[in-house]
Amino acid sequence: MCVTRTSADLEALLGSRLRELRLLKNLDQKSLAERAGISLNAVKHLESGKGARVNSLIKVVRALERTDWLDTLAPIVSISPMQMLKSGSREPRRARRRARARV
């Protein structure tokens, strides 16, 4: 059964994960804000799930040395060898040229 989470749920989850990571690194919110170059309120908003600018999120993730998280948001799309085997095709498909209508 697939459970759909709301945006608010996801923001709260992300904030919780950021807080946990900050605490693991033994940083208080003020120190993290200084390290990231953002305001203390921006860190508080991120951690509480009240939202913040994407720029602030990226700065915090960089300050916590977890830019690998950003790679999981937009993975590089590649052709799956397994999918190619299932489809029976060994070559990528290409668009066909339209035949020109003769006048």
PDB file of N, CA and C in Angstrom:
ATOM      1  N   MET A   1       0.839  -1.179   0.000  1.00  0.00           N
ATOM      2  CA  MET A   1       0.000   0.000   0.000  1.00  0.00           C
ATOM      3  C   MET A   1       0.884   1.242   0.000  1.00  0.00           C
ATOM      4  N   CYS A   2       0.667   2.129  -0.946  1.00  0.00           N
ATOM      5  CA  CYS A   2       1.464   3.343  -1.096  1.00  0.00           C
ATOM      6  C   CYS A   2       0.781   4.486  -0.348  1.00  0.00           C
ATOM      7  N   VAL A   3       1.511   5.110   0.548  1.00  0.00           N
ATOM      8  CA  VAL A   3       0.969   6.220   1.310  1.00  0.00           C
ATOM      9  C   VAL A   3       1.511   7.515   0.722  1.00  0.00           C
ATOM     10  N   THR A   4       0.617   8.410   0.363  1.00  0.00           N
ATOM     11  CA  THR A   4       1.021   9.688  -0.186  1.00  0.00           C
ATOM     12  C   THR A   4       1.203  10.692   0.942  1.00  0.00           C
ATOM     13  N   ARG A   5       2.369  11.287   0.971  1.00  0.00           N
ATOM     14  CA  ARG A   5       2.659  12.285   1.990  1.00  0.00           C
ATOM     15  C   ARG A   5       2.371  13.665   1.438  1.00  0.00           C
ATOM     16  N   THR A   6       1.912  14.540   2.300  1.00  0.00           N
ATOM     17  CA  THR A   6       1.654  15.914   1.891  1.00  0.00           C
ATOM     18  C   THR A   6       2.970  16.679   1.856  1.00  0.00           C
ATOM     19  N   SER A   7       2.946  17.846   1.250  1.00  0.00           N
ATOM     20  CA  SER A   7       4.135  18.702   1.230  1.00  0.00           C
ATOM     21  C   SER A   7       4.556  19.066   2.646  1.00  0.00           C
ATOM     22  N   ALA A   8       3.581  19.322   3.497  1.00  0.00           N
ATOM     23  CA  ALA A   8       3.885  19.670   4.889  1.00  0.00           C
ATOM     24  C   ALA A   8       4.575  18.506   5.601  1.00  0.00           C
ATOM     25  N   ASP A   9       4.105  17.278   5.326  1.00  0.00           N
ATOM     26  CA  ASP A   9       4.735  16.093   5.919  1.00  0.00           C
ATOM     27  C   ASP A   9       6.189  15.973   5.473  1.00  0.00           C
ATOM     28  N   LEU A  10       6.428  16.186   4.178  1.00  0.00           N
ATOM     29  CA  LEU A  10       7.778  16.066   3.639  1.00  0.00           C
ATOM     30  C   LEU A  10       8.695  17.172   4.169  1.00  0.00           C
ATOM     31  N   GLU A  11       8.161  18.380   4.310  1.00  0.00           N
ATOM     32  CA  GLU A  11       8.954  19.480   4.868  1.00  0.00           C
ATOM     33  C   GLU A  11       9.338  19.175   6.312  1.00  0.00           C
ATOM     34  N   ALA A  12       8.402  18.622   7.075  1.00  0.00           N
ATOM     35  CA  ALA A  12       8.685  18.268   8.465  1.00  0.00           C
ATOM     36  C   ALA A  12       9.725  17.149   8.540  1.00  0.00           C
ATOM     37  N   LEU A  13       9.613  16.161   7.649  1.00  0.00           N
ATOM     38  CA  LEU A  13      10.571  15.067   7.620  1.00  0.00           C
ATOM     39  C   LEU A  13      11.971  15.577   7.273  1.00  0.00           C
ATOM     40  N   LEU A  14      12.060  16.429   6.266  1.00  0.00           N
ATOM     41  CA  LEU A  14      13.347  16.993   5.878  1.00  0.00           C
ATOM     42  C   LEU A  14      13.939  17.817   7.020  1.00  0.00           C
ATOM     43  N   GLY A  15      13.111  18.624   7.664  1.00  0.00           N
ATOM     44  CA  GLY A  15      13.567  19.421   8.798  1.00  0.00           C
ATOM     45  C   GLY A  15      14.085  18.557   9.931  1.00  0.00           C
ATOM     46  N   SER A  16      13.396  17.472  10.182  1.00  0.00           N
ATOM     47  CA  SER A  16      13.808  16.543  11.227  1.00  0.00           C
ATOM     48  C   SER A  16      15.165  15.917  10.907  1.00  0.00           C
ATOM     49  N   ARG A  17      15.350  15.543   9.649  1.00  0.00           N
ATOM     50  CA  ARG A  17      16.627  14.947   9.233  1.00  0.00           C
ATOM     51  C   ARG A  17      17.767  15.961   9.338  1.00  0.00           C
ATOM     52  N   LEU A  18      17.495  17.199   8.959  1.00  0.00           N
ATOM     53  CA  LEU A  18      18.520  18.242   9.073  1.00  0.00           C
ATOM     54  C   LEU A  18      18.902  18.473  10.535  1.00  0.00           C
ATOM     55  N   ARG A  19      17.892  18.490  11.401  1.00  0.00           N
ATOM     56  CA  ARG A  19      18.145  18.686  12.831  1.00  0.00           C
ATOM     57  C   ARG A  19      18.989  17.543  13.392  1.00  0.00           C
ATOM     58  N   GLU A  20      18.623  16.298  13.035  1.00  0.00           N
ATOM     59  CA  GLU A  20      19.378  15.135  13.500  1.00  0.00           C
ATOM     60  C   GLU A  20      20.835  15.207  13.056  1.00  0.00           C
ATOM     61  N   LEU A  21      21.056  15.581  11.812  1.00  0.00           N
ATOM     62  CA  LEU A  21      22.416  15.677  11.290  1.00  0.00           C
ATOM     63  C   LEU A  21      23.191  16.795  11.990  1.00  0.00           C
ATOM     64  N   ARG A  22      22.530  17.913  12.225  1.00  0.00           N
ATOM     65  CA  ARG A  22      23.167  19.030  12.935  1.00  0.00           C
ATOM     66  C   ARG A  22      23.605  18.584  14.322  1.00  0.00           C
ATOM     67  N   LEU A  23      22.737  17.864  15.022  1.00  0.00           N
ATOM     68  CA  LEU A  23      23.058  17.396  16.367  1.00  0.00           C
ATOM     69  C   LEU A  23      24.177  16.352  16.344  1.00  0.00           C
ATOM     70  N   LEU A  24      24.188  15.502  15.326  1.00  0.00           N
ATOM     71  CA  LEU A  24      25.268  14.527  15.197  1.00  0.00           C
ATOM     72  C   LEU A  24      26.618  15.215  15.006  1.00  0.00           C
ATOM     73  N   LYS A  25      26.596  16.366  14.352  1.00  0.00           N
ATOM     74  CA  LYS A  25      27.815  17.134  14.131  1.00  0.00           C
ATOM     75  C   LYS A  25      28.124  18.049  15.315  1.00  0.00           C
ATOM     76  N   ASN A  26      27.297  17.949  16.363  1.00  0.00           N
ATOM     77  CA  ASN A  26      27.489  18.721  17.594  1.00  0.00           C
ATOM     78  C   ASN A  26      27.493  20.235  17.337  1.00  0.00           C
ATOM     79  N   LEU A  27      26.523  20.671  16.521  1.00  0.00           N
ATOM     80  CA  LEU A  27      26.388  22.095  16.218  1.00  0.00           C
ATOM     81  C   LEU A  27      25.077  22.609  16.780  1.00  0.00           C
ATOM     82  N   ASP A  28      25.094  23.836  17.277  1.00  0.00           N
ATOM     83  CA  ASP A  28      23.822  24.459  17.630  1.00  0.00           C
ATOM     84  C   ASP A  28      23.313  25.211  16.395  1.00  0.00           C
ATOM     85  N   GLN A  29      22.080  25.666  16.444  1.00  0.00           N
ATOM     86  CA  GLN A  29      21.486  26.321  15.281  1.00  0.00           C
ATOM     87  C   GLN A  29      22.256  27.570  14.876  1.00  0.00           C
ATOM     88  N   LYS A  30      22.714  28.331  15.848  1.00  0.00           N
ATOM     89  CA  LYS A  30      23.442  29.568  15.558  1.00  0.00           C
ATOM     90  C   LYS A  30      24.750  29.267  14.830  1.00  0.00           C
ATOM     91  N   SER A  31      25.479  28.244  15.289  1.00  0.00           N
ATOM     92  CA  SER A  31      26.741  27.875  14.640  1.00  0.00           C
ATOM     93  C   SER A  31      26.510  27.407  13.216  1.00  0.00           C
ATOM     94  N   LEU A  32      25.466  26.623  13.015  1.00  0.00           N
ATOM     95  CA  LEU A  32      25.150  26.157  11.677  1.00  0.00           C
ATOM     96  C   LEU A  32      24.798  27.333  10.764  1.00  0.00           C
ATOM     97  N   ALA A  33      24.010  28.253  11.271  1.00  0.00           N
ATOM     98  CA  ALA A  33      23.634  29.430  10.485  1.00  0.00           C
ATOM     99  C   ALA A  33      24.875  30.216  10.072  1.00  0.00           C
ATOM    100  N   GLU A  34      25.798  30.400  10.994  1.00  0.00           N
ATOM    101  CA  GLU A  34      27.031  31.127  10.685  1.00  0.00           C
ATOM    102  C   GLU A  34      27.863  30.370   9.653  1.00  0.00           C
ATOM    103  N   ARG A  35      27.988  29.074   9.845  1.00  0.00           N
ATOM    104  CA  ARG A  35      28.772  28.243   8.927  1.00  0.00           C
ATOM    105  C   ARG A  35      28.168  28.262   7.530  1.00  0.00           C
ATOM    106  N   ALA A  36      26.835  28.248   7.453  1.00  0.00           N
ATOM    107  CA  ALA A  36      26.137  28.225   6.165  1.00  0.00           C
ATOM    108  C   ALA A  36      26.000  29.608   5.548  1.00  0.00           C
ATOM    109  N   GLY A  37      26.201  30.649   6.333  1.00  0.00           N
ATOM    110  CA  GLY A  37      26.060  32.011   5.816  1.00  0.00           C
ATOM    111  C   GLY A  37      24.619  32.427   5.631  1.00  0.00           C
ATOM    112  N   ILE A  38      23.741  31.935   6.518  1.00  0.00           N
ATOM    113  CA  ILE A  38      22.323  32.296   6.453  1.00  0.00           C
ATOM    114  C   ILE A  38      21.886  32.749   7.844  1.00  0.00           C
ATOM    115  N   SER A  39      20.669  33.237   7.936  1.00  0.00           N
ATOM    116  CA  SER A  39      20.174  33.724   9.225  1.00  0.00           C
ATOM    117  C   SER A  39      19.773  32.563  10.137  1.00  0.00           C
ATOM    118  N   LEU A  40      19.773  32.839  11.414  1.00  0.00           N
ATOM    119  CA  LEU A  40      19.331  31.855  12.401  1.00  0.00           C
ATOM    120  C   LEU A  40      17.877  31.471  12.143  1.00  0.00           C
ATOM    121  N   ASN A  41      17.052  32.452  11.780  1.00  0.00           N
ATOM    122  CA  ASN A  41      15.638  32.164  11.499  1.00  0.00           C
ATOM    123  C   ASN A  41      15.477  31.204  10.321  1.00  0.00           C
ATOM    124  N   ALA A  42      16.348  31.302   9.324  1.00  0.00           N
ATOM    125  CA  ALA A  42      16.266  30.391   8.179  1.00  0.00           C
ATOM    126  C   ALA A  42      16.519  28.953   8.628  1.00  0.00           C
ATOM    127  N   VAL A  43      17.495  28.756   9.516  1.00  0.00           N
ATOM    128  CA  VAL A  43      17.770  27.417  10.039  1.00  0.00           C
ATOM    129  C   VAL A  43      16.571  26.925  10.852  1.00  0.00           C
ATOM    130  N   LYS A  44      16.021  27.796  11.681  1.00  0.00           N
ATOM    131  CA  LYS A  44      14.857  27.411  12.489  1.00  0.00           C
ATOM    132  C   LYS A  44      13.679  27.022  11.597  1.00  0.00           C
ATOM    133  N   HIS A  45      13.454  27.787  10.527  1.00  0.00           N
ATOM    134  CA  HIS A  45      12.349  27.477   9.611  1.00  0.00           C
ATOM    135  C   HIS A  45      12.578  26.150   8.902  1.00  0.00           C
ATOM    136  N   LEU A  46      13.801  25.907   8.472  1.00  0.00           N
ATOM    137  CA  LEU A  46      14.095  24.627   7.814  1.00  0.00           C
ATOM    138  C   LEU A  46      13.828  23.456   8.745  1.00  0.00           C
ATOM    139  N   GLU A  47      14.345  23.558   9.954  1.00  0.00           N
ATOM    140  CA  GLU A  47      14.206  22.445  10.896  1.00  0.00           C
ATOM    141  C   GLU A  47      12.784  22.229  11.373  1.00  0.00           C
ATOM    142  N   SER A  48      11.996  23.279  11.410  1.00  0.00           N
ATOM    143  CA  SER A  48      10.614  23.135  11.885  1.00  0.00           C
ATOM    144  C   SER A  48       9.654  22.753  10.761  1.00  0.00           C
ATOM    145  N   GLY A  49      10.156  22.727   9.528  1.00  0.00           N
ATOM    146  CA  GLY A  49       9.294  22.369   8.401  1.00  0.00           C
ATOM    147  C   GLY A  49       8.394  23.497   7.960  1.00  0.00           C
ATOM    148  N   LYS A  50       8.740  24.720   8.344  1.00  0.00           N
ATOM    149  CA  LYS A  50       7.925  25.879   7.956  1.00  0.00           C
ATOM    150  C   LYS A  50       8.333  26.437   6.603  1.00  0.00           C
ATOM    151  N   GLY A  51       9.307  25.805   5.989  1.00  0.00           N
ATOM    152  CA  GLY A  51       9.735  26.235   4.667  1.00  0.00           C
ATOM    153  C   GLY A  51      10.879  27.223   4.721  1.00  0.00           C
ATOM    154  N   ALA A  52      11.574  27.314   3.636  1.00  0.00           N
ATOM    155  CA  ALA A  52      12.682  28.240   3.473  1.00  0.00           C
ATOM    156  C   ALA A  52      13.015  28.277   1.991  1.00  0.00           C
ATOM    157  N   ARG A  53      13.896  29.156   1.623  1.00  0.00           N
ATOM    158  CA  ARG A  53      14.314  29.240   0.225  1.00  0.00           C
ATOM    159  C   ARG A  53      15.206  28.049  -0.113  1.00  0.00           C
ATOM    160  N   VAL A  54      15.171  27.650  -1.357  1.00  0.00           N
ATOM    161  CA  VAL A  54      16.009  26.542  -1.819  1.00  0.00           C
ATOM    162  C   VAL A  54      17.474  26.886  -1.599  1.00  0.00           C
ATOM    163  N   ASN A  55      17.821  28.131  -1.820  1.00  0.00           N
ATOM    164  CA  ASN A  55      19.189  28.584  -1.617  1.00  0.00           C
ATOM    165  C   ASN A  55      19.635  28.331  -0.174  1.00  0.00           C
ATOM    166  N   SER A  56      18.772  28.596   0.787  1.00  0.00           N
ATOM    167  CA  SER A  56      19.098  28.353   2.196  1.00  0.00           C
ATOM    168  C   SER A  56      19.285  26.861   2.457  1.00  0.00           C
ATOM    169  N   LEU A  57      18.421  26.050   1.884  1.00  0.00           N
ATOM    170  CA  LEU A  57      18.536  24.607   2.048  1.00  0.00           C
ATOM    171  C   LEU A  57      19.879  24.110   1.513  1.00  0.00           C
ATOM    172  N   ILE A  58      20.252  24.567   0.336  1.00  0.00           N
ATOM    173  CA  ILE A  58      21.512  24.140  -0.262  1.00  0.00           C
ATOM    174  C   ILE A  58      22.695  24.569   0.597  1.00  0.00           C
ATOM    175  N   LYS A  59      22.656  25.777   1.116  1.00  0.00           N
ATOM    176  CA  LYS A  59      23.746  26.253   1.965  1.00  0.00           C
ATOM    177  C   LYS A  59      23.869  25.423   3.236  1.00  0.00           C
ATOM    178  N   VAL A  60      22.740  25.054   3.822  1.00  0.00           N
ATOM    179  CA  VAL A  60      22.760  24.240   5.041  1.00  0.00           C
ATOM    180  C   VAL A  60      23.283  22.837   4.728  1.00  0.00           C
ATOM    181  N   VAL A  61      22.829  22.255   3.648  1.00  0.00           N
ATOM    182  CA  VAL A  61      23.285  20.919   3.264  1.00  0.00           C
ATOM    183  C   VAL A  61      24.795  20.932   3.001  1.00  0.00           C
ATOM    184  N   ARG A  62      25.284  21.978   2.367  1.00  0.00           N
ATOM    185  CA  ARG A  62      26.728  22.091   2.136  1.00  0.00           C
ATOM    186  C   ARG A  62      27.476  22.252   3.454  1.00  0.00           C
ATOM    187  N   ALA A  63      26.954  23.069   4.363  1.00  0.00           N
ATOM    188  CA  ALA A  63      27.610  23.287   5.656  1.00  0.00           C
ATOM    189  C   ALA A  63      27.647  22.005   6.477  1.00  0.00           C
ATOM    190  N   LEU A  64      26.654  21.144   6.288  1.00  0.00           N
ATOM    191  CA  LEU A  64      26.609  19.864   7.000  1.00  0.00           C
ATOM    192  C   LEU A  64      27.362  18.760   6.242  1.00  0.00           C
ATOM    193  N   GLU A  65      28.005  19.144   5.137  1.00  0.00           N
ATOM    194  CA  GLU A  65      28.806  18.226   4.329  1.00  0.00           C
ATOM    195  C   GLU A  65      27.997  17.036   3.809  1.00  0.00           C
ATOM    196  N   ARG A  66      26.782  17.313   3.333  1.00  0.00           N
ATOM    197  CA  ARG A  66      25.925  16.250   2.794  1.00  0.00           C
ATOM    198  C   ARG A  66      25.374  16.631   1.421  1.00  0.00           C
ATOM    199  N   THR A  67      26.231  17.152   0.562  1.00  0.00           N
ATOM    200  CA  THR A  67      25.761  17.499  -0.779  1.00  0.00           C
ATOM    201  C   THR A  67      25.334  16.265  -1.570  1.00  0.00           C
ATOM    202  N   ASP A  68      25.721  15.074  -1.109  1.00  0.00           N
ATOM    203  CA  ASP A  68      25.270  13.851  -1.770  1.00  0.00           C
ATOM    204  C   ASP A  68      23.747  13.728  -1.721  1.00  0.00           C
ATOM    205  N   TRP A  69      23.122  14.361  -0.733  1.00  0.00           N
ATOM    206  CA  TRP A  69      21.656  14.358  -0.673  1.00  0.00           C
ATOM    207  C   TRP A  69      21.072  15.005  -1.920  1.00  0.00           C
ATOM    208  N   LEU A  70      21.731  16.046  -2.403  1.00  0.00           N
ATOM    209  CA  LEU A  70      21.214  16.772  -3.559  1.00  0.00           C
ATOM    210  C   LEU A  70      21.255  15.902  -4.813  1.00  0.00           C
ATOM    211  N   ASP A  71      22.236  15.008  -4.904  1.00  0.00           N
ATOM    212  CA  ASP A  71      22.333  14.111  -6.057  1.00  0.00           C
ATOM    213  C   ASP A  71      21.134  13.173  -6.137  1.00  0.00           C
ATOM    214  N   THR A  72      20.568  12.823  -4.997  1.00  0.00           N
ATOM    215  CA  THR A  72      19.424  11.912  -5.006  1.00  0.00           C
ATOM    216  C   THR A  72      18.135  12.609  -5.429  1.00  0.00           C
ATOM    217  N   LEU A  73      18.125  13.927  -5.392  1.00  0.00           N
ATOM    218  CA  LEU A  73      16.926  14.661  -5.804  1.00  0.00           C
ATOM    219  C   LEU A  73      16.739  14.628  -7.318  1.00  0.00           C
ATOM    220  N   ALA A  74      17.840  14.642  -8.045  1.00  0.00           N
ATOM    221  CA  ALA A  74      17.757  14.653  -9.502  1.00  0.00           C
ATOM    222  C   ALA A  74      18.837  13.747 -10.079  1.00  0.00           C
ATOM    223  N   PRO A  75      18.631  12.439  -9.972  1.00  0.00           N
ATOM    224  CA  PRO A  75      19.648  11.521 -10.489  1.00  0.00           C
ATOM    225  C   PRO A  75      19.787  11.631 -12.000  1.00  0.00           C
ATOM    226  N   ILE A  76      20.958  11.292 -12.492  1.00  0.00           N
ATOM    227  CA  ILE A  76      21.204  11.312 -13.925  1.00  0.00           C
ATOM    228  C   ILE A  76      20.413  10.163 -14.556  1.00  0.00           C
ATOM    229  N   VAL A  77      19.669  10.493 -15.587  1.00  0.00           N
ATOM    230  CA  VAL A  77      18.855   9.495 -16.270  1.00  0.00           C
ATOM    231  C   VAL A  77      19.743   8.752 -17.252  1.00  0.00           C
ATOM    232  N   SER A  78      19.677   7.450 -17.198  1.00  0.00           N
ATOM    233  CA  SER A  78      20.453   6.645 -18.138  1.00  0.00           C
ATOM    234  C   SER A  78      19.565   5.528 -18.672  1.00  0.00           C
ATOM    235  N   ILE A  79      20.027   4.923 -19.724  1.00  0.00           N
ATOM    236  CA  ILE A  79      19.287   3.809 -20.309  1.00  0.00           C
ATOM    237  C   ILE A  79      19.584   2.568 -19.482  1.00  0.00           C
ATOM    238  N   SER A  80      18.556   1.889 -19.092  1.00  0.00           N
ATOM    239  CA  SER A  80      18.707   0.680 -18.300  1.00  0.00           C
ATOM    240  C   SER A  80      18.991  -0.509 -19.213  1.00  0.00           C
ATOM    241  N   PRO A  81      20.119  -1.198 -19.008  1.00  0.00           N
ATOM    242  CA  PRO A  81      20.403  -2.388 -19.816  1.00  0.00           C
ATOM    243  C   PRO A  81      19.321  -3.457 -19.663  1.00  0.00           C
ATOM    244  N   MET A  82      18.760  -3.581 -18.477  1.00  0.00           N
ATOM    245  CA  MET A  82      17.701  -4.572 -18.260  1.00  0.00           C
ATOM    246  C   MET A  82      16.456  -4.215 -19.068  1.00  0.00           C
ATOM    247  N   GLN A  83      16.128  -2.925 -19.123  1.00  0.00           N
ATOM    248  CA  GLN A  83      14.966  -2.509 -19.895  1.00  0.00           C
ATOM    249  C   GLN A  83      15.180  -2.769 -21.377  1.00  0.00           C
ATOM    250  N   MET A  84      16.421  -2.560 -21.838  1.00  0.00           N
ATOM    251  CA  MET A  84      16.717  -2.819 -23.245  1.00  0.00           C
ATOM    252  C   MET A  84      16.557  -4.302 -23.563  1.00  0.00           C
ATOM    253  N   LEU A  85      16.975  -5.168 -22.643  1.00  0.00           N
ATOM    254  CA  LEU A  85      16.819  -6.601 -22.863  1.00  0.00           C
ATOM    255  C   LEU A  85      15.349  -6.999 -22.909  1.00  0.00           C
ATOM    256  N   LYS A  86      14.565  -6.411 -22.020  1.00  0.00           N
ATOM    257  CA  LYS A  86      13.137  -6.729 -21.975  1.00  0.00           C
ATOM    258  C   LYS A  86      12.424  -6.284 -23.244  1.00  0.00           C
ATOM    259  N   SER A  87      12.849  -5.149 -23.799  1.00  0.00           N
ATOM    260  CA  SER A  87      12.180  -4.627 -24.987  1.00  0.00           C
ATOM    261  C   SER A  87      12.657  -5.324 -26.255  1.00  0.00           C
ATOM    262  N   GLY A  88      13.763  -6.070 -26.153  1.00  0.00           N
ATOM    263  CA  GLY A  88      14.261  -6.798 -27.313  1.00  0.00           C
ATOM    264  C   GLY A  88      15.066  -5.924 -28.250  1.00  0.00           C
ATOM    265  N   SER A  89      15.322  -4.717 -27.884  1.00  0.00           N
ATOM    266  CA  SER A  89      16.061  -3.800 -28.728  1.00  0.00           C
ATOM    267  C   SER A  89      17.496  -3.689 -28.244  1.00  0.00           C
ATOM    268  N   ARG A  90      18.421  -3.686 -29.179  1.00  0.00           N
ATOM    269  CA  ARG A  90      19.830  -3.515 -28.817  1.00  0.00           C
ATOM    270  C   ARG A  90      20.315  -2.111 -29.140  1.00  0.00           C
ATOM    271  N   GLU A  91      19.597  -1.409 -29.951  1.00  0.00           N
ATOM    272  CA  GLU A  91      19.956  -0.049 -30.340  1.00  0.00           C
ATOM    273  C   GLU A  91      18.895   0.913 -29.824  1.00  0.00           C
ATOM    274  N   PRO A  92      19.314   2.113 -29.426  1.00  0.00           N
ATOM    275  CA  PRO A  92      18.309   3.100 -29.032  1.00  0.00           C
ATOM    276  C   PRO A  92      17.412   3.428 -30.223  1.00  0.00           C
ATOM    277  N   ARG A  93      16.148   3.605 -29.974  1.00  0.00           N
ATOM    278  CA  ARG A  93      15.220   3.942 -31.052  1.00  0.00           C
ATOM    279  C   ARG A  93      15.404   5.395 -31.455  1.00  0.00           C
ATOM    280  N   ARG A  94      15.207   5.624 -32.733  1.00  0.00           N
ATOM    281  CA  ARG A  94      15.341   6.982 -33.255  1.00  0.00           C
ATOM    282  C   ARG A  94      14.037   7.373 -33.935  1.00  0.00           C
ATOM    283  N   ALA A  95      13.801   8.647 -33.939  1.00  0.00           N
ATOM    284  CA  ALA A  95      12.610   9.146 -34.609  1.00  0.00           C
ATOM    285  C   ALA A  95      12.766   8.935 -36.112  1.00  0.00           C
ATOM    286  N   ARG A  96      11.681   8.559 -36.755  1.00  0.00           N
ATOM    287  CA  ARG A  96      11.716   8.370 -38.205  1.00  0.00           C
ATOM    288  C   ARG A  96      11.426   9.684 -38.894  1.00  0.00           C
ATOM    289  N   ARG A  97      12.014   9.832 -40.064  1.00  0.00           N
ATOM    290  CA  ARG A  97      11.708  11.015 -40.849  1.00  0.00           C
ATOM    291  C   ARG A  97      10.359  10.838 -41.514  1.00  0.00           C
ATOM    292  N   ARG A  98       9.638  11.917 -41.584  1.00  0.00           N
ATOM    293  CA  ARG A  98       8.360  11.881 -42.275  1.00  0.00           C
ATOM    294  C   ARG A  98       8.586  11.841 -43.775  1.00  0.00           C
ATOM    295  N   ALA A  99       7.765  11.083 -44.423  1.00  0.00           N
ATOM    296  CA  ALA A  99       7.823  11.083 -45.876  1.00  0.00           C
ATOM    297  C   ALA A  99       7.189  12.361 -46.384  1.00  0.00           C
ATOM    298  N   ARG A 100       7.869  13.005 -47.307  1.00  0.00           N
ATOM    299  CA  ARG A 100       7.310  14.252 -47.853  1.00  0.00           C
ATOM    300  C   ARG A 100       6.169  13.927 -48.814  1.00  0.00           C
ATOM    301  N   ALA A 101       5.142  14.720 -48.709  1.00  0.00           N
ATOM    302  CA  ALA A 101       4.003  14.544 -49.601  1.00  0.00           C
ATOM    303  C   ALA A 101       4.392  15.023 -50.997  1.00  0.00           C
ATOM    304  N   ARG A 102       4.089  14.223 -52.022  1.00  0.00           N
ATOM    305  CA  ARG A 102       4.392  14.610 -53.388  1.00  0.00           C
ATOM    306  C   ARG A 102       3.250  15.413 -53.956  1.00  0.00           C
ATOM    307  N   VAL A 103       3.607  16.452 -54.642  1.00  0.00           N
ATOM    308  CA  VAL A 103       2.585  17.321 -55.225  1.00  0.00           C
ATOM    309  C   VAL A 103       2.454  17.103 -56.704  1.00  0.00           C
TER     310      VAL A 103
END
